[in-house]
Every structure is written in C-alpha cells, then in structure tokens.
C-alpha cells in the first residue's frame, strides 16, 4: 500500500464520519424546532454506536502519520 492510497483512505474515513455526525446533528437540531414529538434517541444512539468521533480521530491520526512519513522521505531525499 503506498502513501497516496493511505492518505486517500484516511480522507474518505474522515469525510464519511463527518457526514454521519452531521446527519445525526441535523436530526437533533430539527427535533428541537419541530412542533411534533420527535425521537431524539435514534440520532444520539447512531453517534454513539457508530463511534464516529473515534473513526474520525483514527483516520486523522493515519493521515498525520502518512504526512510525517512523507516529510521524513523528503528529508532523506534532500
């Protein structure tokens, strides 16, 4: 696996996590302005079950390590 594909997979993981978190947050925000009863448990559970923040953080860490590896390779090449 090359550095480029690691970076791409990290970015995809971060984007997917952000999208899931945003969707759940929008459901919660919509519930607060709705005049009808809305189930808040589902979006809250989705955030917790999918542990999207952990996925985002892990993807960000992989991206950080890939960046460091690229920097080290450039330092060696220089």
C-alpha atoms as a PDB file:
ATOM      1  CA  UNK A   1       0.000   0.000   0.000  1.00  0.00           C
ATOM      2  CA  UNK A   2       1.503   3.324  -0.974  1.00  0.00           C
ATOM      3  CA  UNK A   3       1.327   6.609   0.913  1.00  0.00           C
ATOM      4  CA  UNK A   4      -1.143   8.129  -1.576  1.00  0.00           C
ATOM      5  CA  UNK A   5      -3.723   5.410  -1.022  1.00  0.00           C
ATOM      6  CA  UNK A   6      -3.262   5.656   2.761  1.00  0.00           C
ATOM      7  CA  UNK A   7      -3.906   9.391   2.577  1.00  0.00           C
ATOM      8  CA  UNK A   8      -6.965   8.847   0.367  1.00  0.00           C
ATOM      9  CA  UNK A   9      -8.422   6.202   2.676  1.00  0.00           C
ATOM     10  CA  UNK A  10      -7.853   8.452   5.677  1.00  0.00           C
ATOM     11  CA  UNK A  11      -9.624  11.349   3.999  1.00  0.00           C
ATOM     12  CA  UNK A  12     -12.519   9.103   2.956  1.00  0.00           C
ATOM     13  CA  UNK A  13     -12.854   7.843   6.534  1.00  0.00           C
ATOM     14  CA  UNK A  14     -12.862  11.385   7.872  1.00  0.00           C
ATOM     15  CA  UNK A  15     -15.435  12.539   5.301  1.00  0.00           C
ATOM     16  CA  UNK A  16     -17.741   9.596   5.996  1.00  0.00           C
ATOM     17  CA  UNK A  17     -17.521  10.142   9.740  1.00  0.00           C
ATOM     18  CA  UNK A  18     -18.200  13.851   9.378  1.00  0.00           C
ATOM     19  CA  UNK A  19     -21.226  13.121   7.189  1.00  0.00           C
ATOM     20  CA  UNK A  20     -22.683  10.695   9.745  1.00  0.00           C
ATOM     21  CA  UNK A  21     -22.100  13.103  12.623  1.00  0.00           C
ATOM     22  CA  UNK A  22     -23.613  15.979  10.628  1.00  0.00           C
ATOM     23  CA  UNK A  23     -26.680  13.921   9.720  1.00  0.00           C
ATOM     24  CA  UNK A  24     -27.301  12.966  13.344  1.00  0.00           C
ATOM     25  CA  UNK A  25     -26.729  16.548  14.493  1.00  0.00           C
ATOM     26  CA  UNK A  26     -29.224  17.833  11.924  1.00  0.00           C
ATOM     27  CA  UNK A  27     -31.814  15.332  13.129  1.00  0.00           C
ATOM     28  CA  UNK A  28     -31.302  16.526  16.693  1.00  0.00           C
ATOM     29  CA  UNK A  29     -31.469  20.205  15.668  1.00  0.00           C
ATOM     30  CA  UNK A  30     -34.623  19.622  13.650  1.00  0.00           C
ATOM     31  CA  UNK A  31     -36.237  17.897  16.615  1.00  0.00           C
ATOM     32  CA  UNK A  32     -35.788  20.962  18.782  1.00  0.00           C
ATOM     33  CA  UNK A  33     -37.720  23.157  16.326  1.00  0.00           C
ATOM     34  CA  UNK A  34     -40.427  20.629  15.494  1.00  0.00           C
ATOM     35  CA  UNK A  35     -43.907  21.082  16.914  1.00  0.00           C
ATOM     36  CA  UNK A  36     -44.475  17.318  16.807  1.00  0.00           C
ATOM     37  CA  UNK A  37     -42.831  14.797  19.118  1.00  0.00           C
ATOM     38  CA  UNK A  38     -39.583  13.553  17.624  1.00  0.00           C
ATOM     39  CA  UNK A  39     -37.434  10.619  18.650  1.00  0.00           C
ATOM     40  CA  UNK A  40     -34.076  12.018  19.762  1.00  0.00           C
ATOM     41  CA  UNK A  41     -32.764   8.659  20.879  1.00  0.00           C
ATOM     42  CA  UNK A  42     -32.076   7.388  17.369  1.00  0.00           C
ATOM     43  CA  UNK A  43     -29.600  10.080  16.253  1.00  0.00           C
ATOM     44  CA  UNK A  44     -27.930  10.055  19.659  1.00  0.00           C
ATOM     45  CA  UNK A  45     -27.581   6.292  19.531  1.00  0.00           C
ATOM     46  CA  UNK A  46     -26.263   6.490  15.966  1.00  0.00           C
ATOM     47  CA  UNK A  47     -23.485   8.797  17.083  1.00  0.00           C
ATOM     48  CA  UNK A  48     -22.590   6.531  19.990  1.00  0.00           C
ATOM     49  CA  UNK A  49     -22.982   3.176  18.235  1.00  0.00           C
ATOM     50  CA  UNK A  50     -21.005   4.092  15.193  1.00  0.00           C
ATOM     51  CA  UNK A  51     -18.463   5.873  17.354  1.00  0.00           C
ATOM     52  CA  UNK A  52     -17.964   8.301  14.524  1.00  0.00           C
ATOM     53  CA  UNK A  53     -15.681  10.519  16.519  1.00  0.00           C
ATOM     54  CA  UNK A  54     -13.318   7.599  17.057  1.00  0.00           C
ATOM     55  CA  UNK A  55     -13.380   6.771  13.358  1.00  0.00           C
ATOM     56  CA  UNK A  56     -12.683  10.407  12.520  1.00  0.00           C
ATOM     57  CA  UNK A  57      -9.856  10.634  15.051  1.00  0.00           C
ATOM     58  CA  UNK A  58      -8.316   7.372  13.842  1.00  0.00           C
ATOM     59  CA  UNK A  59      -8.460   8.490  10.237  1.00  0.00           C
ATOM     60  CA  UNK A  60      -6.937  11.821  11.177  1.00  0.00           C
ATOM     61  CA  UNK A  61      -4.122  10.030  13.011  1.00  0.00           C
ATOM     62  CA  UNK A  62      -3.410   7.825   9.972  1.00  0.00           C
ATOM     63  CA  UNK A  63      -3.289  10.971   7.851  1.00  0.00           C
ATOM     64  CA  UNK A  64      -0.902  12.586  10.328  1.00  0.00           C
ATOM     65  CA  UNK A  65       1.424   9.566  10.277  1.00  0.00           C
ATOM     66  CA  UNK A  66       1.358   9.479   6.475  1.00  0.00           C
ATOM     67  CA  UNK A  67       2.240  13.170   6.428  1.00  0.00           C
ATOM     68  CA  UNK A  68       5.146  12.536   8.786  1.00  0.00           C
ATOM     69  CA  UNK A  69       6.335   9.642   6.605  1.00  0.00           C
ATOM     70  CA  UNK A  70       6.252  11.838   3.522  1.00  0.00           C
ATOM     71  CA  UNK A  71       8.171  14.530   5.407  1.00  0.00           C
ATOM     72  CA  UNK A  72      10.781  12.014   6.515  1.00  0.00           C
ATOM     73  CA  UNK A  73      11.180  10.727   2.970  1.00  0.00           C
ATOM     74  CA  UNK A  74      11.605  14.260   1.665  1.00  0.00           C
ATOM     75  CA  UNK A  75      14.200  14.979   4.374  1.00  0.00           C
ATOM     76  CA  UNK A  76      16.151  11.870   3.401  1.00  0.00           C
ATOM     77  CA  UNK A  77      15.959  12.753  -0.273  1.00  0.00           C
ATOM     78  CA  UNK A  78      17.148  16.351   0.347  1.00  0.00           C
END
